[in-house]
Amino acid sequence: MFLTKTVILKIANPDDDLEETMQKYSDGMNYVSEVLFDKGKPIPAMKLQQEVYSYLRETLKLKSQMSCNIPRQVAGCYKTLHKQKKAKWQKVEFSPSSMTFSYKRDFVIDEDTVKITTINGRKAYSILNYDYAKQYFDGSWKYQASKVVKHKDGDYYFHLSIEKEVPDKEITDASTFMGIDVGMNYLAVASTTDRKCSFFAGGEIKNLRNQYKSMRKRLQSKGTLSAKRMLKHIAGKEKRLMRDV
């Protein structure tokens, strides 16, 4: 089986070239998003690339690999949106917060440096290689398409995607297996083949979600600007609650 990980490494010396490339990349994503949105339905990534490639290269001055990555990303995003039954066809907007690079085509990396193709050419950036991350530079891992991400703290990080084939774990000697069912009445019910069972109640969580539902209903009926702000605030609180659970 294949083991995949994302190793997050801080870029120690980001510069104006990196920031400008991030902005241009975002401009490209939004241009392609508008082109695809106007079609009213998803189209294959290659067909989209053929339509937008010259604009990305000649007008935005993006490099060749970026001009291939962008339509693939946007096409994938709209395809996912289209698969969601309740989601309406809507234009997706992208902020200048991340960009994707392909290994060996527009980035190479070792344990001290990542070399990235910016709009002004290939640049080398120092990375803060934490002790835990050094194991991923021993030659046994394969590097995949990875991202430069601007975190909320304003710093830039390289999200290195890696993959390695590892032996399947032997389970022939196992005599007991566990299954876990998740839900709202019980956050989790764990049961084993030897008929042992544990319940983790979710009553308090369910009550909180019911309270949020009631609050949303009242606020939606008002329709005021302050009510809309409160709805957004409540949505964030509920999302954080369920993420932490």
C-alpha atoms as a PDB file:
ATOM      1  CA  MET A   1       0.000   0.000   0.000  1.00  0.00           C
ATOM      2  CA  PHE A   2       1.015   3.631  -0.396  1.00  0.00           C
ATOM      3  CA  LEU A   3       1.555   5.959   2.537  1.00  0.00           C
ATOM      4  CA  THR A   4       1.027   9.657   1.788  1.00  0.00           C
ATOM      5  CA  LYS A   5       1.850  12.656   3.943  1.00  0.00           C
ATOM      6  CA  THR A   6       2.040  16.433   3.750  1.00  0.00           C
ATOM      7  CA  VAL A   7       5.113  17.944   5.401  1.00  0.00           C
ATOM      8  CA  ILE A   8       4.768  21.635   6.261  1.00  0.00           C
ATOM      9  CA  LEU A   9       8.009  23.615   6.069  1.00  0.00           C
ATOM     10  CA  LYS A  10       8.314  27.328   6.753  1.00  0.00           C
ATOM     11  CA  ILE A  11       9.958  29.424   4.036  1.00  0.00           C
ATOM     12  CA  ALA A  12      12.559  31.486   5.865  1.00  0.00           C
ATOM     13  CA  ASN A  13      13.229  34.194   3.278  1.00  0.00           C
ATOM     14  CA  PRO A  14      10.120  34.963   1.186  1.00  0.00           C
ATOM     15  CA  ASP A  15      10.533  37.936  -1.129  1.00  0.00           C
ATOM     16  CA  ASP A  16       8.572  40.193  -3.470  1.00  0.00           C
ATOM     17  CA  ASP A  17       8.932  37.678  -6.313  1.00  0.00           C
ATOM     18  CA  LEU A  18       7.122  35.027  -4.289  1.00  0.00           C
ATOM     19  CA  GLU A  19       4.359  37.432  -3.292  1.00  0.00           C
ATOM     20  CA  GLU A  20       3.950  38.705  -6.859  1.00  0.00           C
ATOM     21  CA  THR A  21       3.802  35.160  -8.198  1.00  0.00           C
ATOM     22  CA  MET A  22       1.124  34.293  -5.636  1.00  0.00           C
ATOM     23  CA  GLN A  23      -0.967  37.277  -6.757  1.00  0.00           C
ATOM     24  CA  LYS A  24      -0.558  36.452 -10.457  1.00  0.00           C
ATOM     25  CA  TYR A  25      -1.457  32.831  -9.763  1.00  0.00           C
ATOM     26  CA  SER A  26      -4.631  33.973  -8.005  1.00  0.00           C
ATOM     27  CA  ASP A  27      -5.450  36.281 -10.923  1.00  0.00           C
ATOM     28  CA  GLY A  28      -5.089  33.308 -13.245  1.00  0.00           C
ATOM     29  CA  MET A  29      -7.330  31.124 -11.083  1.00  0.00           C
ATOM     30  CA  ASN A  30     -10.052  33.770 -11.030  1.00  0.00           C
ATOM     31  CA  TYR A  31      -9.840  34.368 -14.782  1.00  0.00           C
ATOM     32  CA  VAL A  32     -10.189  30.648 -15.513  1.00  0.00           C
ATOM     33  CA  SER A  33     -12.973  30.389 -12.928  1.00  0.00           C
ATOM     34  CA  GLU A  34     -14.935  33.093 -14.735  1.00  0.00           C
ATOM     35  CA  VAL A  35     -14.449  31.365 -18.088  1.00  0.00           C
ATOM     36  CA  LEU A  36     -15.712  28.058 -16.705  1.00  0.00           C
ATOM     37  CA  PHE A  37     -18.581  29.628 -14.766  1.00  0.00           C
ATOM     38  CA  ASP A  38     -19.900  31.266 -17.931  1.00  0.00           C
ATOM     39  CA  LYS A  39     -20.227  27.820 -19.527  1.00  0.00           C
ATOM     40  CA  GLY A  40     -22.793  26.789 -16.933  1.00  0.00           C
ATOM     41  CA  LYS A  41     -21.395  23.286 -16.437  1.00  0.00           C
ATOM     42  CA  PRO A  42     -18.069  21.510 -15.872  1.00  0.00           C
ATOM     43  CA  ILE A  43     -15.830  20.725 -18.834  1.00  0.00           C
ATOM     44  CA  PRO A  44     -12.717  18.509 -19.041  1.00  0.00           C
ATOM     45  CA  ALA A  45      -9.547  20.091 -17.698  1.00  0.00           C
ATOM     46  CA  MET A  46      -7.666  19.625 -20.972  1.00  0.00           C
ATOM     47  CA  LYS A  47     -10.370  21.388 -22.976  1.00  0.00           C
ATOM     48  CA  LEU A  48     -10.374  24.245 -20.473  1.00  0.00           C
ATOM     49  CA  GLN A  49      -6.580  24.462 -20.653  1.00  0.00           C
ATOM     50  CA  GLN A  50      -6.717  24.835 -24.428  1.00  0.00           C
ATOM     51  CA  GLU A  51      -9.046  27.824 -24.051  1.00  0.00           C
ATOM     52  CA  VAL A  52      -7.157  29.734 -21.374  1.00  0.00           C
ATOM     53  CA  TYR A  53      -3.501  28.765 -21.838  1.00  0.00           C
ATOM     54  CA  SER A  54      -2.537  31.618 -24.156  1.00  0.00           C
ATOM     55  CA  TYR A  55      -4.102  34.241 -21.863  1.00  0.00           C
ATOM     56  CA  LEU A  56      -2.304  32.864 -18.819  1.00  0.00           C
ATOM     57  CA  ARG A  57       1.008  32.807 -20.659  1.00  0.00           C
ATOM     58  CA  GLU A  58       0.845  35.977 -22.731  1.00  0.00           C
ATOM     59  CA  THR A  59      -1.273  38.347 -20.647  1.00  0.00           C
ATOM     60  CA  LEU A  60      -0.538  37.274 -17.076  1.00  0.00           C
ATOM     61  CA  LYS A  61       3.020  36.155 -17.958  1.00  0.00           C
ATOM     62  CA  LEU A  62       2.686  32.941 -15.974  1.00  0.00           C
ATOM     63  CA  LYS A  63       5.146  30.144 -16.637  1.00  0.00           C
ATOM     64  CA  SER A  64       4.187  27.115 -18.703  1.00  0.00           C
ATOM     65  CA  GLN A  65       3.630  24.627 -15.876  1.00  0.00           C
ATOM     66  CA  MET A  66       1.558  27.110 -13.877  1.00  0.00           C
ATOM     67  CA  SER A  67      -0.598  27.681 -16.938  1.00  0.00           C
ATOM     68  CA  CYS A  68      -1.279  23.934 -16.975  1.00  0.00           C
ATOM     69  CA  ASN A  69      -1.820  23.543 -13.222  1.00  0.00           C
ATOM     70  CA  ILE A  70      -4.353  26.371 -12.936  1.00  0.00           C
ATOM     71  CA  PRO A  71      -7.035  25.028 -15.333  1.00  0.00           C
ATOM     72  CA  ARG A  72      -6.673  21.562 -13.797  1.00  0.00           C
ATOM     73  CA  GLN A  73      -7.285  22.999 -10.327  1.00  0.00           C
ATOM     74  CA  VAL A  74     -10.243  25.106 -11.389  1.00  0.00           C
ATOM     75  CA  ALA A  75     -11.818  22.283 -13.405  1.00  0.00           C
ATOM     76  CA  GLY A  76     -11.490  19.966 -10.404  1.00  0.00           C
ATOM     77  CA  CYS A  77     -13.063  22.533  -8.097  1.00  0.00           C
ATOM     78  CA  TYR A  78     -16.122  23.014 -10.322  1.00  0.00           C
ATOM     79  CA  LYS A  79     -16.461  19.263 -10.858  1.00  0.00           C
ATOM     80  CA  THR A  80     -16.617  18.772  -7.093  1.00  0.00           C
ATOM     81  CA  LEU A  81     -19.146  21.593  -6.779  1.00  0.00           C
ATOM     82  CA  HIS A  82     -21.307  20.054  -9.513  1.00  0.00           C
ATOM     83  CA  LYS A  83     -21.359  16.686  -7.728  1.00  0.00           C
ATOM     84  CA  GLN A  84     -22.866  18.231  -4.602  1.00  0.00           C
ATOM     85  CA  LYS A  85     -26.590  17.773  -5.145  1.00  0.00           C
ATOM     86  CA  LYS A  86     -27.682  20.777  -3.085  1.00  0.00           C
ATOM     87  CA  ALA A  87     -24.999  23.142  -4.374  1.00  0.00           C
ATOM     88  CA  LYS A  88     -26.047  25.739  -6.938  1.00  0.00           C
ATOM     89  CA  TRP A  89     -23.877  26.560  -9.939  1.00  0.00           C
ATOM     90  CA  GLN A  90     -21.938  29.553  -8.694  1.00  0.00           C
ATOM     91  CA  LYS A  91     -18.712  31.308  -9.494  1.00  0.00           C
ATOM     92  CA  VAL A  92     -15.805  30.300  -7.301  1.00  0.00           C
ATOM     93  CA  GLU A  93     -13.423  33.069  -6.250  1.00  0.00           C
ATOM     94  CA  PHE A  94      -9.846  32.422  -5.203  1.00  0.00           C
ATOM     95  CA  SER A  95      -7.742  34.513  -2.844  1.00  0.00           C
ATOM     96  CA  PRO A  96      -3.951  34.887  -3.210  1.00  0.00           C
ATOM     97  CA  SER A  97      -3.187  32.340  -0.511  1.00  0.00           C
ATOM     98  CA  SER A  98      -1.834  29.235  -2.280  1.00  0.00           C
ATOM     99  CA  MET A  99      -0.338  27.990  -5.520  1.00  0.00           C
ATOM    100  CA  THR A 100       0.522  24.523  -6.776  1.00  0.00           C
ATOM    101  CA  PHE A 101       3.879  23.383  -8.145  1.00  0.00           C
ATOM    102  CA  SER A 102       4.854  20.153  -9.922  1.00  0.00           C
ATOM    103  CA  TYR A 103       7.947  18.306  -8.745  1.00  0.00           C
ATOM    104  CA  LYS A 104      10.965  18.677 -11.054  1.00  0.00           C
ATOM    105  CA  ARG A 105       8.969  20.862 -13.449  1.00  0.00           C
ATOM    106  CA  ASP A 106       8.686  23.985 -11.338  1.00  0.00           C
ATOM    107  CA  PHE A 107      10.122  23.000  -7.966  1.00  0.00           C
ATOM    108  CA  VAL A 108      12.927  20.893  -6.527  1.00  0.00           C
ATOM    109  CA  ILE A 109      13.737  20.502  -2.864  1.00  0.00           C
ATOM    110  CA  ASP A 110      16.308  19.219  -0.403  1.00  0.00           C
ATOM    111  CA  GLU A 111      16.353  19.408   3.371  1.00  0.00           C
ATOM    112  CA  ASP A 112      17.609  23.010   3.403  1.00  0.00           C
ATOM    113  CA  THR A 113      16.315  24.662   0.238  1.00  0.00           C
ATOM    114  CA  VAL A 114      13.318  24.682  -2.062  1.00  0.00           C
ATOM    115  CA  LYS A 115      13.825  26.041  -5.580  1.00  0.00           C
ATOM    116  CA  ILE A 116      10.623  27.429  -7.079  1.00  0.00           C
ATOM    117  CA  THR A 117       9.808  28.821 -10.499  1.00  0.00           C
ATOM    118  CA  THR A 118       8.462  32.346  -9.975  1.00  0.00           C
ATOM    119  CA  ILE A 119       7.253  34.737 -12.670  1.00  0.00           C
ATOM    120  CA  ASN A 120      10.775  36.184 -12.627  1.00  0.00           C
ATOM    121  CA  GLY A 121      12.552  32.858 -12.958  1.00  0.00           C
ATOM    122  CA  ARG A 122      13.785  30.079 -10.683  1.00  0.00           C
ATOM    123  CA  LYS A 123      14.468  31.251  -7.117  1.00  0.00           C
ATOM    124  CA  ALA A 124      15.983  29.406  -4.160  1.00  0.00           C
ATOM    125  CA  TYR A 125      14.377  29.802  -0.740  1.00  0.00           C
ATOM    126  CA  SER A 126      15.686  28.566   2.582  1.00  0.00           C
ATOM    127  CA  ILE A 127      13.343  26.336   4.554  1.00  0.00           C
ATOM    128  CA  LEU A 128      13.211  25.742   8.280  1.00  0.00           C
ATOM    129  CA  ASN A 129      13.660  21.992   8.371  1.00  0.00           C
ATOM    130  CA  TYR A 130      12.374  20.762  11.691  1.00  0.00           C
ATOM    131  CA  ASP A 131      13.923  17.657  13.212  1.00  0.00           C
ATOM    132  CA  TYR A 132      10.818  15.568  12.564  1.00  0.00           C
ATOM    133  CA  ALA A 133      10.930  16.424   8.836  1.00  0.00           C
ATOM    134  CA  LYS A 134      14.502  15.308   8.153  1.00  0.00           C
ATOM    135  CA  GLN A 135      13.381  11.685   7.822  1.00  0.00           C
ATOM    136  CA  TYR A 136      11.462  12.613   4.672  1.00  0.00           C
ATOM    137  CA  PHE A 137      14.654  13.585   2.838  1.00  0.00           C
ATOM    138  CA  ASP A 138      16.377  10.202   3.136  1.00  0.00           C
ATOM    139  CA  GLY A 139      15.663   9.245  -0.481  1.00  0.00           C
ATOM    140  CA  SER A 140      12.908   6.728   0.285  1.00  0.00           C
ATOM    141  CA  TRP A 141      10.008   9.121  -0.365  1.00  0.00           C
ATOM    142  CA  LYS A 142       8.627  10.290  -3.702  1.00  0.00           C
ATOM    143  CA  TYR A 143       7.702  13.945  -4.000  1.00  0.00           C
ATOM    144  CA  GLN A 144       4.350  14.882  -5.510  1.00  0.00           C
ATOM    145  CA  ALA A 145       2.693  18.116  -6.630  1.00  0.00           C
ATOM    146  CA  SER A 146       3.001  20.470  -3.656  1.00  0.00           C
ATOM    147  CA  LYS A 147       1.873  23.928  -2.594  1.00  0.00           C
ATOM    148  CA  VAL A 148       3.199  27.239  -1.377  1.00  0.00           C
ATOM    149  CA  VAL A 149       0.644  28.490   1.133  1.00  0.00           C
ATOM    150  CA  LYS A 150       0.367  31.855   2.826  1.00  0.00           C
ATOM    151  CA  HIS A 151      -0.916  31.143   6.333  1.00  0.00           C
ATOM    152  CA  LYS A 152      -3.101  33.452   8.371  1.00  0.00           C
ATOM    153  CA  ASP A 153      -0.032  34.661  10.274  1.00  0.00           C
ATOM    154  CA  GLY A 154       1.247  36.168   7.004  1.00  0.00           C
ATOM    155  CA  ASP A 155       4.172  33.756   6.704  1.00  0.00           C
ATOM    156  CA  TYR A 156       4.777  31.489   3.717  1.00  0.00           C
ATOM    157  CA  TYR A 157       5.011  27.719   4.067  1.00  0.00           C
ATOM    158  CA  PHE A 158       5.845  24.946   1.644  1.00  0.00           C
ATOM    159  CA  HIS A 159       3.344  22.076   1.904  1.00  0.00           C
ATOM    160  CA  LEU A 160       5.404  19.185   0.567  1.00  0.00           C
ATOM    161  CA  SER A 161       3.320  16.185  -0.535  1.00  0.00           C
ATOM    162  CA  ILE A 162       5.184  12.891  -0.282  1.00  0.00           C
ATOM    163  CA  GLU A 163       4.426   9.240  -0.937  1.00  0.00           C
ATOM    164  CA  LYS A 164       6.066   5.915  -0.167  1.00  0.00           C
ATOM    165  CA  GLU A 165       5.094   2.326  -0.791  1.00  0.00           C
ATOM    166  CA  VAL A 166       5.069   0.302   2.421  1.00  0.00           C
ATOM    167  CA  PRO A 167       4.271  -3.375   3.041  1.00  0.00           C
ATOM    168  CA  ASP A 168       0.674  -4.220   3.835  1.00  0.00           C
ATOM    169  CA  LYS A 169       0.195  -4.988   7.496  1.00  0.00           C
ATOM    170  CA  GLU A 170      -0.363  -8.639   8.254  1.00  0.00           C
ATOM    171  CA  ILE A 171      -3.742  -9.262   9.857  1.00  0.00           C
ATOM    172  CA  THR A 172      -3.877 -13.051   9.546  1.00  0.00           C
ATOM    173  CA  ASP A 173      -3.001 -13.487  13.207  1.00  0.00           C
ATOM    174  CA  ALA A 174      -5.626 -11.045  14.454  1.00  0.00           C
ATOM    175  CA  SER A 175      -8.488 -12.619  16.385  1.00  0.00           C
ATOM    176  CA  THR A 176     -10.458  -9.501  17.318  1.00  0.00           C
ATOM    177  CA  PHE A 177     -11.636  -6.636  15.124  1.00  0.00           C
ATOM    178  CA  MET A 178     -13.289  -3.343  16.039  1.00  0.00           C
ATOM    179  CA  GLY A 179     -15.931  -1.373  14.187  1.00  0.00           C
ATOM    180  CA  ILE A 180     -16.890   2.229  14.971  1.00  0.00           C
ATOM    181  CA  ASP A 181     -20.191   3.836  14.034  1.00  0.00           C
ATOM    182  CA  VAL A 182     -20.520   7.619  14.337  1.00  0.00           C
ATOM    183  CA  GLY A 183     -23.670   9.694  14.709  1.00  0.00           C
ATOM    184  CA  MET A 184     -25.398  12.416  16.723  1.00  0.00           C
ATOM    185  CA  ASN A 185     -27.300  10.515  19.429  1.00  0.00           C
ATOM    186  CA  TYR A 186     -24.032   8.746  20.120  1.00  0.00           C
ATOM    187  CA  LEU A 187     -20.870  10.408  18.852  1.00  0.00           C
ATOM    188  CA  ALA A 188     -19.353   6.968  18.506  1.00  0.00           C
ATOM    189  CA  VAL A 189     -20.283   3.373  19.213  1.00  0.00           C
ATOM    190  CA  ALA A 190     -17.323   1.013  19.253  1.00  0.00           C
ATOM    191  CA  SER A 191     -17.970  -2.711  19.066  1.00  0.00           C
ATOM    192  CA  THR A 192     -15.636  -5.673  18.731  1.00  0.00           C
ATOM    193  CA  THR A 193     -16.070  -9.159  17.368  1.00  0.00           C
ATOM    194  CA  ASP A 194     -15.827 -10.555  20.892  1.00  0.00           C
ATOM    195  CA  ARG A 195     -19.093  -8.690  21.673  1.00  0.00           C
ATOM    196  CA  LYS A 196     -17.652  -5.868  23.747  1.00  0.00           C
ATOM    197  CA  CYS A 197     -19.239  -2.479  23.147  1.00  0.00           C
ATOM    198  CA  SER A 198     -18.621   1.120  24.269  1.00  0.00           C
ATOM    199  CA  PHE A 199     -20.969   4.093  23.816  1.00  0.00           C
ATOM    200  CA  PHE A 200     -19.915   7.758  23.659  1.00  0.00           C
ATOM    201  CA  ALA A 201     -23.010   9.886  24.176  1.00  0.00           C
ATOM    202  CA  GLY A 202     -23.625  12.961  22.037  1.00  0.00           C
ATOM    203  CA  GLY A 203     -26.643  14.450  23.787  1.00  0.00           C
ATOM    204  CA  GLU A 204     -24.950  17.728  24.676  1.00  0.00           C
ATOM    205  CA  ILE A 205     -23.664  18.194  21.128  1.00  0.00           C
ATOM    206  CA  LYS A 206     -27.102  17.448  19.705  1.00  0.00           C
ATOM    207  CA  ASN A 207     -28.703  20.006  22.037  1.00  0.00           C
ATOM    208  CA  LEU A 208     -26.197  22.662  20.972  1.00  0.00           C
ATOM    209  CA  ARG A 209     -26.880  22.015  17.288  1.00  0.00           C
ATOM    210  CA  ASN A 210     -30.619  22.254  17.928  1.00  0.00           C
ATOM    211  CA  GLN A 211     -30.044  25.617  19.632  1.00  0.00           C
ATOM    212  CA  TYR A 212     -28.032  26.855  16.642  1.00  0.00           C
ATOM    213  CA  LYS A 213     -30.783  25.655  14.305  1.00  0.00           C
ATOM    214  CA  SER A 214     -33.407  27.578  16.266  1.00  0.00           C
ATOM    215  CA  MET A 215     -31.243  30.722  16.313  1.00  0.00           C
ATOM    216  CA  ARG A 216     -30.651  30.493  12.555  1.00  0.00           C
ATOM    217  CA  LYS A 217     -34.375  30.232  11.908  1.00  0.00           C
ATOM    218  CA  ARG A 218     -35.111  33.360  13.965  1.00  0.00           C
ATOM    219  CA  LEU A 219     -32.303  35.375  12.375  1.00  0.00           C
ATOM    220  CA  GLN A 220     -33.217  34.332   8.833  1.00  0.00           C
ATOM    221  CA  SER A 221     -36.753  35.589   9.375  1.00  0.00           C
ATOM    222  CA  LYS A 222     -35.427  39.067  10.250  1.00  0.00           C
ATOM    223  CA  GLY A 223     -33.289  39.538   7.145  1.00  0.00           C
ATOM    224  CA  THR A 224     -31.413  42.559   8.531  1.00  0.00           C
ATOM    225  CA  LEU A 225     -27.722  43.232   7.975  1.00  0.00           C
ATOM    226  CA  SER A 226     -26.920  42.626  11.638  1.00  0.00           C
ATOM    227  CA  ALA A 227     -28.868  39.358  11.499  1.00  0.00           C
ATOM    228  CA  LYS A 228     -26.813  38.244   8.505  1.00  0.00           C
ATOM    229  CA  ARG A 229     -23.596  39.042  10.367  1.00  0.00           C
ATOM    230  CA  MET A 230     -24.817  37.039  13.344  1.00  0.00           C
ATOM    231  CA  LEU A 231     -25.735  34.122  11.052  1.00  0.00           C
ATOM    232  CA  LYS A 232     -22.185  34.103   9.719  1.00  0.00           C
ATOM    233  CA  HIS A 233     -20.824  34.191  13.275  1.00  0.00           C
ATOM    234  CA  ILE A 234     -23.042  31.292  14.344  1.00  0.00           C
ATOM    235  CA  ALA A 235     -22.062  29.260  11.286  1.00  0.00           C
ATOM    236  CA  GLY A 236     -18.407  29.676  12.207  1.00  0.00           C
ATOM    237  CA  LYS A 237     -19.002  28.614  15.808  1.00  0.00           C
ATOM    238  CA  GLU A 238     -20.948  25.524  14.751  1.00  0.00           C
ATOM    239  CA  LYS A 239     -18.308  24.583  12.196  1.00  0.00           C
ATOM    240  CA  ARG A 240     -15.554  24.839  14.820  1.00  0.00           C
ATOM    241  CA  LEU A 241     -17.655  22.817  17.257  1.00  0.00           C
ATOM    242  CA  MET A 242     -18.136  19.934  14.823  1.00  0.00           C
ATOM    243  CA  ARG A 243     -14.497  20.057  13.745  1.00  0.00           C
ATOM    244  CA  ASP A 244     -13.329  19.765  17.349  1.00  0.00           C
ATOM    245  CA  VAL A 245     -15.775  16.932  18.017  1.00  0.00           C
END
